[in-house]
Amino acid sequence: MLISTILRRHIETDVQMGISIFPLHKHKQYLSECCKLINDEWKRSETARLHSLESSCDSLPTSLVLVEDGRVIGHLKLTPIPSIKDACFVESVVIARHLRGQGYGRILMRGAEDHCRTALQLRTVYLSTKGQEGFYAKLGYVLCKPVSIYGCFVPETKKEEPKRVVVQSLNVDAPVPPPLPHCERLVSRKVFMKKELISR
């Protein structure tokens, strides 16, 4: 079943506009066009990108594509979160550059949420972003603690003060070592957000 059928409840113009959203693995003819769209945003070898896209399946991971009049104009990937079985992580959200700011991102995200709710039976969607917090907040996403798609929740990192070394005199004629360099942990600038999916 095409997700655009579900979308009609929310977006009445999708049929008139010729828009469809569906899992990429059910329409493999769009693989190379989708690969190009994503690589235009984030460079990666075509072989590696295609390998990632070909992993799309009915469970997770799932790549969803937004197609208008037979052309791929958007993509996102739903990835499992091993520590949270009833949730997924949205990544690689991209809309063709010349179509941004026209509502396509909203259509794609709403379609993904419907897919998560109905086809995957998930309760929560997580994502991370740099600079698009306002867009996701308008869709109902709220700030949350970091989450890892590689295992468990990521603990909050705090800036650590450098440790002071106290040297006691040992009556040895050795020079005092230089002070330790000031080190700060690398802190991600990504903002994590989540949305609880409500049954419809």
N, C-alpha and C. Protein backbone atom coordinates (compact mmCIF):
# COMPACT_ATOMS: atom_id res chain seq x y z
N MET A 1 0.84 -1.18 0.00
CA MET A 1 0.00 0.00 0.00
C MET A 1 0.89 1.25 0.00
N LEU A 2 0.61 2.17 -0.87
CA LEU A 2 1.41 3.39 -0.92
C LEU A 2 1.08 4.25 0.28
N ILE A 3 2.10 4.86 0.83
CA ILE A 3 1.90 5.72 1.98
C ILE A 3 1.09 6.94 1.58
N SER A 4 1.13 7.33 0.29
CA SER A 4 0.36 8.50 -0.13
C SER A 4 -1.13 8.28 0.10
N THR A 5 -1.60 7.03 0.09
CA THR A 5 -3.00 6.75 0.39
C THR A 5 -3.32 7.18 1.82
N ILE A 6 -2.43 6.86 2.74
CA ILE A 6 -2.59 7.26 4.13
C ILE A 6 -2.49 8.79 4.24
N LEU A 7 -1.59 9.37 3.47
CA LEU A 7 -1.38 10.82 3.54
C LEU A 7 -2.60 11.62 3.14
N ARG A 8 -3.48 11.07 2.32
CA ARG A 8 -4.64 11.84 1.86
C ARG A 8 -5.48 12.35 3.01
N ARG A 9 -5.41 11.65 4.14
CA ARG A 9 -6.14 12.13 5.31
C ARG A 9 -5.61 13.48 5.77
N HIS A 10 -4.32 13.72 5.57
CA HIS A 10 -3.68 14.92 6.10
C HIS A 10 -3.42 15.97 5.04
N ILE A 11 -3.10 15.53 3.84
CA ILE A 11 -2.70 16.46 2.80
C ILE A 11 -3.56 16.19 1.57
N GLU A 12 -4.55 17.00 1.37
CA GLU A 12 -5.52 16.75 0.32
C GLU A 12 -4.96 16.98 -1.07
N THR A 13 -3.88 17.71 -1.19
CA THR A 13 -3.38 18.07 -2.51
C THR A 13 -2.37 17.08 -3.07
N ASP A 14 -2.02 16.02 -2.32
CA ASP A 14 -0.95 15.14 -2.81
C ASP A 14 -1.31 14.45 -4.11
N VAL A 15 -2.58 14.08 -4.32
CA VAL A 15 -2.97 13.40 -5.55
C VAL A 15 -2.94 14.39 -6.72
N GLN A 16 -3.47 15.59 -6.48
CA GLN A 16 -3.47 16.57 -7.55
C GLN A 16 -2.04 16.95 -7.95
N MET A 17 -1.14 16.95 -6.97
CA MET A 17 0.23 17.33 -7.24
C MET A 17 1.04 16.17 -7.83
N GLY A 18 0.48 14.96 -7.86
CA GLY A 18 1.20 13.80 -8.38
C GLY A 18 2.30 13.33 -7.46
N ILE A 19 2.07 13.40 -6.15
CA ILE A 19 3.08 13.03 -5.16
C ILE A 19 2.80 11.66 -4.59
N SER A 20 3.86 10.85 -4.45
CA SER A 20 3.76 9.55 -3.81
C SER A 20 4.93 9.39 -2.85
N ILE A 21 4.69 8.67 -1.77
CA ILE A 21 5.75 8.30 -0.83
C ILE A 21 5.67 6.80 -0.66
N PHE A 22 6.82 6.14 -0.81
CA PHE A 22 6.80 4.69 -0.65
C PHE A 22 8.18 4.18 -0.27
N PRO A 23 8.24 2.93 0.24
CA PRO A 23 9.53 2.32 0.58
C PRO A 23 10.34 2.07 -0.69
N LEU A 24 11.59 2.46 -0.66
CA LEU A 24 12.46 2.33 -1.84
C LEU A 24 12.62 0.88 -2.29
N HIS A 25 12.67 -0.06 -1.35
CA HIS A 25 12.90 -1.46 -1.74
C HIS A 25 11.72 -2.04 -2.54
N LYS A 26 10.57 -1.38 -2.54
CA LYS A 26 9.44 -1.85 -3.33
C LYS A 26 9.39 -1.19 -4.71
N HIS A 27 10.29 -0.23 -4.93
CA HIS A 27 10.36 0.48 -6.21
C HIS A 27 11.83 0.74 -6.53
N LYS A 28 12.56 -0.34 -6.79
CA LYS A 28 14.02 -0.26 -6.97
C LYS A 28 14.43 0.53 -8.21
N GLN A 29 13.50 0.82 -9.08
CA GLN A 29 13.84 1.61 -10.27
C GLN A 29 14.30 3.02 -9.89
N TYR A 30 14.05 3.43 -8.63
CA TYR A 30 14.45 4.77 -8.17
C TYR A 30 15.77 4.76 -7.42
N LEU A 31 16.46 3.62 -7.33
CA LEU A 31 17.70 3.52 -6.55
C LEU A 31 18.75 4.53 -6.98
N SER A 32 19.10 4.56 -8.27
CA SER A 32 20.21 5.43 -8.68
C SER A 32 19.82 6.91 -8.59
N GLU A 33 18.57 7.24 -8.87
CA GLU A 33 18.12 8.64 -8.75
C GLU A 33 18.15 9.08 -7.29
N CYS A 34 17.77 8.17 -6.39
CA CYS A 34 17.80 8.47 -4.95
C CYS A 34 19.24 8.62 -4.48
N CYS A 35 20.11 7.76 -4.96
CA CYS A 35 21.54 7.83 -4.62
C CYS A 35 22.11 9.20 -5.02
N LYS A 36 21.78 9.65 -6.21
CA LYS A 36 22.27 10.95 -6.66
C LYS A 36 21.75 12.09 -5.79
N LEU A 37 20.46 12.06 -5.44
CA LEU A 37 19.88 13.10 -4.60
C LEU A 37 20.61 13.19 -3.25
N ILE A 38 20.85 12.05 -2.63
CA ILE A 38 21.52 12.05 -1.32
C ILE A 38 22.98 12.47 -1.46
N ASN A 39 23.65 11.97 -2.49
CA ASN A 39 25.07 12.32 -2.68
C ASN A 39 25.27 13.78 -3.06
N ASP A 40 24.24 14.42 -3.63
CA ASP A 40 24.34 15.85 -3.89
C ASP A 40 24.40 16.63 -2.58
N GLU A 41 23.84 16.08 -1.53
CA GLU A 41 23.83 16.73 -0.22
C GLU A 41 25.02 16.29 0.64
N TRP A 42 25.28 14.99 0.69
CA TRP A 42 26.36 14.43 1.51
C TRP A 42 27.18 13.50 0.63
N LYS A 43 28.37 13.92 0.25
CA LYS A 43 29.23 13.15 -0.66
C LYS A 43 29.60 11.80 -0.03
N ARG A 44 29.53 10.76 -0.85
CA ARG A 44 29.92 9.41 -0.46
C ARG A 44 30.08 8.62 -1.76
N SER A 45 30.84 7.56 -1.72
CA SER A 45 30.99 6.79 -2.95
C SER A 45 29.64 6.21 -3.36
N GLU A 46 29.41 6.14 -4.65
CA GLU A 46 28.14 5.62 -5.15
C GLU A 46 27.94 4.17 -4.71
N THR A 47 29.00 3.39 -4.70
CA THR A 47 28.90 1.99 -4.29
C THR A 47 28.45 1.88 -2.83
N ALA A 48 29.06 2.66 -1.94
CA ALA A 48 28.68 2.62 -0.52
C ALA A 48 27.25 3.12 -0.34
N ARG A 49 26.89 4.18 -1.05
CA ARG A 49 25.54 4.73 -0.91
C ARG A 49 24.50 3.73 -1.41
N LEU A 50 24.75 3.11 -2.56
CA LEU A 50 23.81 2.12 -3.09
C LEU A 50 23.68 0.92 -2.15
N HIS A 51 24.79 0.51 -1.56
CA HIS A 51 24.76 -0.61 -0.61
C HIS A 51 23.84 -0.26 0.57
N SER A 52 23.96 0.96 1.07
CA SER A 52 23.12 1.41 2.18
C SER A 52 21.65 1.45 1.76
N LEU A 53 21.36 1.99 0.59
CA LEU A 53 19.98 2.09 0.12
C LEU A 53 19.37 0.72 -0.14
N GLU A 54 20.18 -0.22 -0.60
CA GLU A 54 19.68 -1.56 -0.89
C GLU A 54 19.36 -2.35 0.38
N SER A 55 19.75 -1.83 1.55
CA SER A 55 19.43 -2.52 2.81
C SER A 55 17.99 -2.23 3.26
N SER A 56 17.29 -1.34 2.56
CA SER A 56 15.91 -1.02 2.90
C SER A 56 15.05 -2.27 2.85
N CYS A 57 14.16 -2.42 3.87
CA CYS A 57 13.31 -3.60 3.93
C CYS A 57 11.98 -3.25 4.61
N ASP A 58 11.09 -4.24 4.73
CA ASP A 58 9.78 -4.00 5.32
C ASP A 58 9.83 -3.68 6.80
N SER A 59 10.86 -4.16 7.51
CA SER A 59 11.00 -3.80 8.92
C SER A 59 11.90 -2.56 8.98
N LEU A 60 13.02 -2.64 9.63
CA LEU A 60 13.99 -1.54 9.65
C LEU A 60 15.37 -2.08 9.33
N PRO A 61 16.19 -1.36 8.62
CA PRO A 61 16.03 0.02 8.13
C PRO A 61 15.11 0.09 6.90
N THR A 62 14.46 1.23 6.75
CA THR A 62 13.58 1.48 5.61
C THR A 62 13.91 2.85 5.03
N SER A 63 14.17 2.89 3.75
CA SER A 63 14.34 4.17 3.05
C SER A 63 13.01 4.51 2.40
N LEU A 64 12.51 5.70 2.68
CA LEU A 64 11.28 6.18 2.05
C LEU A 64 11.64 7.27 1.05
N VAL A 65 11.01 7.22 -0.11
CA VAL A 65 11.27 8.22 -1.14
C VAL A 65 10.00 9.00 -1.44
N LEU A 66 10.20 10.27 -1.71
CA LEU A 66 9.13 11.17 -2.12
C LEU A 66 9.30 11.37 -3.62
N VAL A 67 8.27 10.99 -4.38
CA VAL A 67 8.35 11.06 -5.84
C VAL A 67 7.22 11.96 -6.35
N GLU A 68 7.59 12.87 -7.21
CA GLU A 68 6.59 13.73 -7.85
C GLU A 68 6.72 13.60 -9.35
N ASP A 69 5.62 13.23 -10.00
CA ASP A 69 5.58 13.07 -11.46
C ASP A 69 6.74 12.20 -11.96
N GLY A 70 7.01 11.10 -11.24
CA GLY A 70 8.02 10.14 -11.67
C GLY A 70 9.45 10.50 -11.33
N ARG A 71 9.68 11.60 -10.61
CA ARG A 71 11.04 12.02 -10.24
C ARG A 71 11.21 11.97 -8.73
N VAL A 72 12.36 11.45 -8.26
CA VAL A 72 12.66 11.44 -6.83
C VAL A 72 13.00 12.86 -6.41
N ILE A 73 12.24 13.37 -5.43
CA ILE A 73 12.49 14.73 -4.95
C ILE A 73 12.80 14.76 -3.44
N GLY A 74 12.69 13.59 -2.79
CA GLY A 74 12.98 13.56 -1.36
C GLY A 74 13.28 12.15 -0.88
N HIS A 75 13.95 12.08 0.25
CA HIS A 75 14.33 10.79 0.84
C HIS A 75 14.50 10.96 2.34
N LEU A 76 14.23 9.89 3.07
CA LEU A 76 14.65 9.77 4.47
C LEU A 76 14.80 8.30 4.79
N LYS A 77 15.58 8.03 5.82
CA LYS A 77 15.84 6.65 6.24
C LYS A 77 15.38 6.48 7.67
N LEU A 78 14.65 5.39 7.92
CA LEU A 78 14.22 5.01 9.26
C LEU A 78 15.13 3.89 9.73
N THR A 79 15.80 4.10 10.85
CA THR A 79 16.80 3.17 11.36
C THR A 79 16.37 2.65 12.73
N PRO A 80 16.63 1.37 13.01
CA PRO A 80 16.26 0.86 14.34
C PRO A 80 17.13 1.45 15.45
N ILE A 81 16.57 1.50 16.64
CA ILE A 81 17.31 1.88 17.85
C ILE A 81 17.31 0.64 18.73
N PRO A 82 18.43 -0.08 18.82
CA PRO A 82 18.45 -1.35 19.54
C PRO A 82 17.95 -1.28 20.98
N SER A 83 18.17 -0.16 21.65
CA SER A 83 17.78 -0.06 23.05
C SER A 83 16.32 0.37 23.25
N ILE A 84 15.64 0.76 22.17
CA ILE A 84 14.25 1.20 22.27
C ILE A 84 13.46 0.49 21.15
N LYS A 85 12.87 -0.62 21.48
CA LYS A 85 12.25 -1.47 20.46
C LYS A 85 11.05 -0.85 19.75
N ASP A 86 10.31 0.04 20.40
CA ASP A 86 9.13 0.62 19.77
C ASP A 86 9.39 2.02 19.22
N ALA A 87 10.64 2.25 18.80
CA ALA A 87 11.03 3.55 18.26
C ALA A 87 11.97 3.37 17.08
N CYS A 88 12.15 4.44 16.33
CA CYS A 88 13.14 4.44 15.25
C CYS A 88 13.81 5.80 15.21
N PHE A 89 14.89 5.87 14.44
CA PHE A 89 15.67 7.09 14.28
C PHE A 89 15.55 7.52 12.82
N VAL A 90 15.18 8.76 12.59
CA VAL A 90 15.07 9.30 11.23
C VAL A 90 16.39 9.96 10.87
N GLU A 91 16.93 9.59 9.73
CA GLU A 91 18.19 10.19 9.28
C GLU A 91 18.16 10.39 7.77
N SER A 92 19.16 11.07 7.28
CA SER A 92 19.31 11.34 5.84
C SER A 92 18.06 11.94 5.22
N VAL A 93 17.47 12.91 5.90
CA VAL A 93 16.29 13.61 5.38
C VAL A 93 16.78 14.65 4.38
N VAL A 94 16.31 14.53 3.15
CA VAL A 94 16.75 15.48 2.13
C VAL A 94 15.63 15.71 1.12
N ILE A 95 15.49 16.97 0.71
CA ILE A 95 14.57 17.38 -0.36
C ILE A 95 15.44 18.03 -1.43
N ALA A 96 15.11 17.81 -2.68
CA ALA A 96 15.86 18.43 -3.79
C ALA A 96 15.99 19.93 -3.53
N ARG A 97 17.19 20.46 -3.72
CA ARG A 97 17.48 21.86 -3.36
C ARG A 97 16.50 22.85 -3.95
N HIS A 98 16.15 22.70 -5.21
CA HIS A 98 15.29 23.69 -5.87
C HIS A 98 13.83 23.63 -5.39
N LEU A 99 13.49 22.63 -4.55
CA LEU A 99 12.12 22.49 -4.06
C LEU A 99 11.98 22.75 -2.57
N ARG A 100 13.08 23.14 -1.92
CA ARG A 100 13.02 23.37 -0.47
C ARG A 100 12.18 24.61 -0.15
N GLY A 101 11.56 24.56 1.03
CA GLY A 101 10.75 25.68 1.48
C GLY A 101 9.36 25.71 0.88
N GLN A 102 8.95 24.63 0.21
CA GLN A 102 7.65 24.57 -0.45
C GLN A 102 6.71 23.54 0.17
N GLY A 103 7.08 23.00 1.33
CA GLY A 103 6.20 22.05 2.02
C GLY A 103 6.48 20.58 1.78
N TYR A 104 7.45 20.28 0.92
CA TYR A 104 7.74 18.88 0.63
C TYR A 104 8.35 18.14 1.84
N GLY A 105 9.16 18.83 2.61
CA GLY A 105 9.74 18.22 3.80
C GLY A 105 8.67 17.82 4.79
N ARG A 106 7.67 18.68 4.95
CA ARG A 106 6.55 18.38 5.84
C ARG A 106 5.78 17.16 5.33
N ILE A 107 5.53 17.10 4.02
CA ILE A 107 4.83 15.96 3.44
C ILE A 107 5.61 14.67 3.69
N LEU A 108 6.92 14.71 3.46
CA LEU A 108 7.75 13.53 3.65
C LEU A 108 7.76 13.08 5.12
N MET A 109 7.91 14.03 6.04
CA MET A 109 7.94 13.67 7.46
C MET A 109 6.59 13.12 7.92
N ARG A 110 5.49 13.71 7.50
CA ARG A 110 4.16 13.20 7.87
C ARG A 110 3.97 11.79 7.32
N GLY A 111 4.41 11.57 6.10
CA GLY A 111 4.32 10.23 5.52
C GLY A 111 5.15 9.21 6.29
N ALA A 112 6.34 9.63 6.71
CA ALA A 112 7.20 8.74 7.49
C ALA A 112 6.56 8.42 8.84
N GLU A 113 5.96 9.42 9.47
CA GLU A 113 5.30 9.18 10.76
C GLU A 113 4.14 8.21 10.60
N ASP A 114 3.35 8.37 9.54
CA ASP A 114 2.25 7.43 9.29
C ASP A 114 2.77 6.03 9.05
N HIS A 115 3.86 5.91 8.30
CA HIS A 115 4.47 4.61 8.05
C HIS A 115 4.94 3.97 9.36
N CYS A 116 5.57 4.76 10.21
CA CYS A 116 6.04 4.26 11.51
C CYS A 116 4.87 3.79 12.37
N ARG A 117 3.81 4.55 12.37
CA ARG A 117 2.65 4.25 13.20
C ARG A 117 1.89 3.02 12.69
N THR A 118 1.63 2.98 11.39
CA THR A 118 0.75 1.93 10.85
C THR A 118 1.50 0.68 10.40
N ALA A 119 2.51 0.84 9.58
CA ALA A 119 3.21 -0.34 9.03
C ALA A 119 4.20 -0.94 10.02
N LEU A 120 4.87 -0.10 10.82
CA LEU A 120 5.91 -0.60 11.73
C LEU A 120 5.45 -0.70 13.18
N GLN A 121 4.27 -0.16 13.49
CA GLN A 121 3.72 -0.22 14.85
C GLN A 121 4.66 0.40 15.89
N LEU A 122 5.27 1.53 15.55
CA LEU A 122 6.19 2.21 16.46
C LEU A 122 5.47 3.32 17.22
N ARG A 123 6.02 3.69 18.36
CA ARG A 123 5.39 4.71 19.21
C ARG A 123 6.14 6.03 19.23
N THR A 124 7.47 6.00 18.94
CA THR A 124 8.28 7.21 19.06
C THR A 124 9.24 7.31 17.89
N VAL A 125 9.43 8.53 17.41
CA VAL A 125 10.40 8.80 16.35
C VAL A 125 11.44 9.76 16.92
N TYR A 126 12.71 9.42 16.76
CA TYR A 126 13.83 10.26 17.19
C TYR A 126 14.57 10.77 15.97
N LEU A 127 15.27 11.89 16.13
CA LEU A 127 16.14 12.40 15.07
C LEU A 127 17.17 13.34 15.69
N SER A 128 18.17 13.67 14.91
CA SER A 128 19.11 14.71 15.32
C SER A 128 19.24 15.69 14.16
N THR A 129 19.53 16.94 14.50
CA THR A 129 19.60 17.97 13.47
C THR A 129 20.60 19.04 13.87
N LYS A 130 21.09 19.73 12.88
CA LYS A 130 21.93 20.92 13.09
C LYS A 130 21.27 22.06 12.34
N GLY A 131 20.57 22.91 13.08
CA GLY A 131 20.00 24.10 12.47
C GLY A 131 18.57 23.99 11.96
N GLN A 132 17.97 22.82 12.02
CA GLN A 132 16.59 22.69 11.53
C GLN A 132 15.60 22.44 12.67
N GLU A 133 15.97 22.83 13.88
CA GLU A 133 15.12 22.60 15.05
C GLU A 133 13.74 23.24 14.88
N GLY A 134 13.69 24.43 14.31
CA GLY A 134 12.41 25.12 14.11
C GLY A 134 11.48 24.35 13.20
N PHE A 135 12.01 23.81 12.12
CA PHE A 135 11.20 23.00 11.19
C PHE A 135 10.58 21.81 11.91
N TYR A 136 11.42 21.07 12.65
CA TYR A 136 10.92 19.88 13.33
C TYR A 136 9.98 20.24 14.49
N ALA A 137 10.23 21.34 15.16
CA ALA A 137 9.34 21.77 16.26
C ALA A 137 7.93 22.05 15.71
N LYS A 138 7.83 22.65 14.52
CA LYS A 138 6.52 22.90 13.91
C LYS A 138 5.77 21.61 13.62
N LEU A 139 6.51 20.51 13.47
CA LEU A 139 5.89 19.21 13.21
C LEU A 139 5.59 18.45 14.50
N GLY A 140 5.89 19.07 15.64
CA GLY A 140 5.56 18.44 16.92
C GLY A 140 6.71 17.76 17.62
N TYR A 141 7.93 17.93 17.13
CA TYR A 141 9.10 17.32 17.77
C TYR A 141 9.56 18.20 18.92
N VAL A 142 10.04 17.55 19.98
CA VAL A 142 10.54 18.27 21.15
C VAL A 142 11.97 17.83 21.44
N LEU A 143 12.71 18.70 22.12
CA LEU A 143 14.09 18.37 22.48
C LEU A 143 14.11 17.17 23.41
N CYS A 144 15.15 16.36 23.29
CA CYS A 144 15.29 15.19 24.15
C CYS A 144 16.77 14.90 24.37
N LYS A 145 17.04 13.94 25.24
CA LYS A 145 18.41 13.51 25.48
C LYS A 145 18.92 12.78 24.24
N PRO A 146 20.24 12.80 24.02
CA PRO A 146 20.80 12.07 22.88
C PRO A 146 20.47 10.58 22.96
N VAL A 147 20.29 9.98 21.81
CA VAL A 147 20.03 8.56 21.71
C VAL A 147 20.97 8.01 20.64
N SER A 148 21.41 6.78 20.82
CA SER A 148 22.36 6.17 19.89
C SER A 148 21.69 5.05 19.11
N ILE A 149 21.93 5.02 17.81
CA ILE A 149 21.42 3.91 16.99
C ILE A 149 22.35 2.71 17.06
N TYR A 150 23.40 2.83 17.85
CA TYR A 150 24.37 1.75 17.98
C TYR A 150 24.22 0.98 19.29
N GLY A 151 23.24 1.30 20.11
CA GLY A 151 23.09 0.56 21.35
C GLY A 151 22.18 1.24 22.34
N CYS A 152 22.72 2.07 23.21
CA CYS A 152 21.94 2.63 24.30
C CYS A 152 21.90 4.15 24.24
N PHE A 153 21.17 4.74 25.21
CA PHE A 153 21.17 6.19 25.31
C PHE A 153 22.58 6.69 25.52
N VAL A 154 22.89 7.81 24.94
CA VAL A 154 24.20 8.42 25.09
C VAL A 154 24.15 9.32 26.32
N PRO A 155 25.08 9.14 27.26
CA PRO A 155 25.04 10.01 28.44
C PRO A 155 25.36 11.44 28.05
N GLU A 156 24.79 12.36 28.82
CA GLU A 156 25.09 13.77 28.57
C GLU A 156 26.55 14.01 28.88
N THR A 157 27.24 14.74 28.00
CA THR A 157 28.65 15.02 28.25
C THR A 157 28.78 16.39 28.87
N LYS A 158 29.62 16.46 29.85
CA LYS A 158 29.88 17.73 30.53
C LYS A 158 31.34 18.08 30.31
N LYS A 159 31.60 19.36 30.29
CA LYS A 159 32.97 19.84 30.13
C LYS A 159 33.76 19.45 31.37
N GLU A 160 34.85 18.77 31.15
CA GLU A 160 35.67 18.34 32.27
C GLU A 160 36.78 19.34 32.55
N GLU A 161 37.00 19.59 33.80
CA GLU A 161 38.12 20.44 34.19
C GLU A 161 39.39 19.61 34.11
N PRO A 162 40.49 20.22 33.67
CA PRO A 162 41.73 19.45 33.63
C PRO A 162 42.13 19.05 35.04
N LYS A 163 42.69 17.86 35.15
CA LYS A 163 43.12 17.37 36.45
C LYS A 163 44.45 18.02 36.82
N ARG A 164 44.55 18.39 38.07
CA ARG A 164 45.77 19.00 38.58
C ARG A 164 46.68 17.91 39.12
N VAL A 165 47.93 18.04 38.81
CA VAL A 165 48.92 17.08 39.30
C VAL A 165 49.71 17.73 40.41
N VAL A 166 49.75 17.07 41.54
CA VAL A 166 50.52 17.56 42.69
C VAL A 166 51.79 16.74 42.76
N VAL A 167 52.90 17.42 42.69
CA VAL A 167 54.19 16.74 42.76
C VAL A 167 54.77 16.97 44.14
N GLN A 168 55.04 15.88 44.84
CA GLN A 168 55.66 15.99 46.16
C GLN A 168 57.17 15.81 46.01
N SER A 169 57.88 16.50 46.84
CA SER A 169 59.33 16.41 46.78
C SER A 169 59.80 15.03 47.23
N LEU A 170 60.60 14.43 46.39
CA LEU A 170 61.16 13.12 46.71
C LEU A 170 62.66 13.21 46.98
N ASN A 171 63.15 14.42 47.16
CA ASN A 171 64.57 14.65 47.34
C ASN A 171 65.37 14.09 46.17
N VAL A 172 64.83 14.25 44.97
CA VAL A 172 65.51 13.79 43.76
C VAL A 172 65.75 15.03 42.91
N ASP A 173 66.89 15.05 42.25
CA ASP A 173 67.24 16.20 41.42
C ASP A 173 66.65 16.08 40.01
N ALA A 174 65.40 15.75 39.91
CA ALA A 174 64.74 15.64 38.61
C ALA A 174 63.90 16.89 38.39
N PRO A 175 63.80 17.33 37.14
CA PRO A 175 62.98 18.52 36.88
C PRO A 175 61.49 18.20 37.08
N VAL A 176 60.75 19.22 37.42
CA VAL A 176 59.30 19.07 37.57
C VAL A 176 58.70 18.96 36.17
N PRO A 177 57.81 18.02 35.95
CA PRO A 177 57.23 17.88 34.61
C PRO A 177 56.35 19.07 34.27
N PRO A 178 56.19 19.35 32.97
CA PRO A 178 55.33 20.47 32.57
C PRO A 178 53.88 20.16 32.91
N PRO A 179 53.06 21.20 33.01
CA PRO A 179 51.64 20.94 33.32
C PRO A 179 50.97 20.21 32.16
N LEU A 180 49.91 19.47 32.48
CA LEU A 180 49.14 18.76 31.46
C LEU A 180 48.42 19.77 30.58
N PRO A 181 48.29 19.46 29.30
CA PRO A 181 47.56 20.40 28.42
C PRO A 181 46.09 20.45 28.80
N HIS A 182 45.48 21.60 28.55
CA HIS A 182 44.05 21.78 28.82
C HIS A 182 43.28 21.09 27.70
N CYS A 183 42.50 20.10 28.05
CA CYS A 183 41.73 19.35 27.05
C CYS A 183 40.24 19.48 27.34
N GLU A 184 39.46 19.64 26.29
CA GLU A 184 38.01 19.65 26.41
C GLU A 184 37.49 18.48 25.60
N ARG A 185 36.47 17.85 26.11
CA ARG A 185 35.82 16.80 25.33
C ARG A 185 35.16 17.44 24.12
N LEU A 186 35.17 16.70 23.03
CA LEU A 186 34.46 17.18 21.86
C LEU A 186 32.97 17.06 22.13
N VAL A 187 32.25 18.12 21.95
CA VAL A 187 30.82 18.12 22.20
C VAL A 187 30.11 18.24 20.86
N SER A 188 29.18 17.34 20.60
CA SER A 188 28.43 17.37 19.35
C SER A 188 27.53 18.60 19.33
N ARG A 189 27.43 19.23 18.19
CA ARG A 189 26.54 20.37 18.04
C ARG A 189 25.15 19.92 17.57
N LYS A 190 24.98 18.62 17.42
CA LYS A 190 23.68 18.12 17.01
C LYS A 190 22.68 18.27 18.14
N VAL A 191 21.45 18.54 17.75
CA VAL A 191 20.35 18.64 18.69
C VAL A 191 19.47 17.41 18.47
N PHE A 192 19.13 16.73 19.54
CA PHE A 192 18.29 15.55 19.44
C PHE A 192 16.85 15.93 19.76
N MET A 193 15.93 15.34 18.98
CA MET A 193 14.51 15.63 19.15
C MET A 193 13.72 14.33 19.02
N LYS A 194 12.50 14.33 19.55
CA LYS A 194 11.65 13.15 19.43
C LYS A 194 10.20 13.57 19.31
N LYS A 195 9.40 12.62 18.83
CA LYS A 195 7.95 12.84 18.73
C LYS A 195 7.25 11.54 19.11
N GLU A 196 6.31 11.65 20.03
CA GLU A 196 5.48 10.51 20.39
C GLU A 196 4.37 10.43 19.33
N LEU A 197 4.21 9.24 18.73
CA LEU A 197 3.19 9.07 17.70
C LEU A 197 1.87 8.70 18.36
N ILE A 198 0.84 9.39 17.99
CA ILE A 198 -0.49 9.15 18.55
C ILE A 198 -1.27 8.31 17.56
N SER A 199 -1.92 7.26 18.04
CA SER A 199 -2.73 6.42 17.15
C SER A 199 -3.87 7.24 16.56
N ARG A 200 -4.17 6.95 15.31
CA ARG A 200 -5.26 7.68 14.64
C ARG A 200 -6.40 6.75 14.37
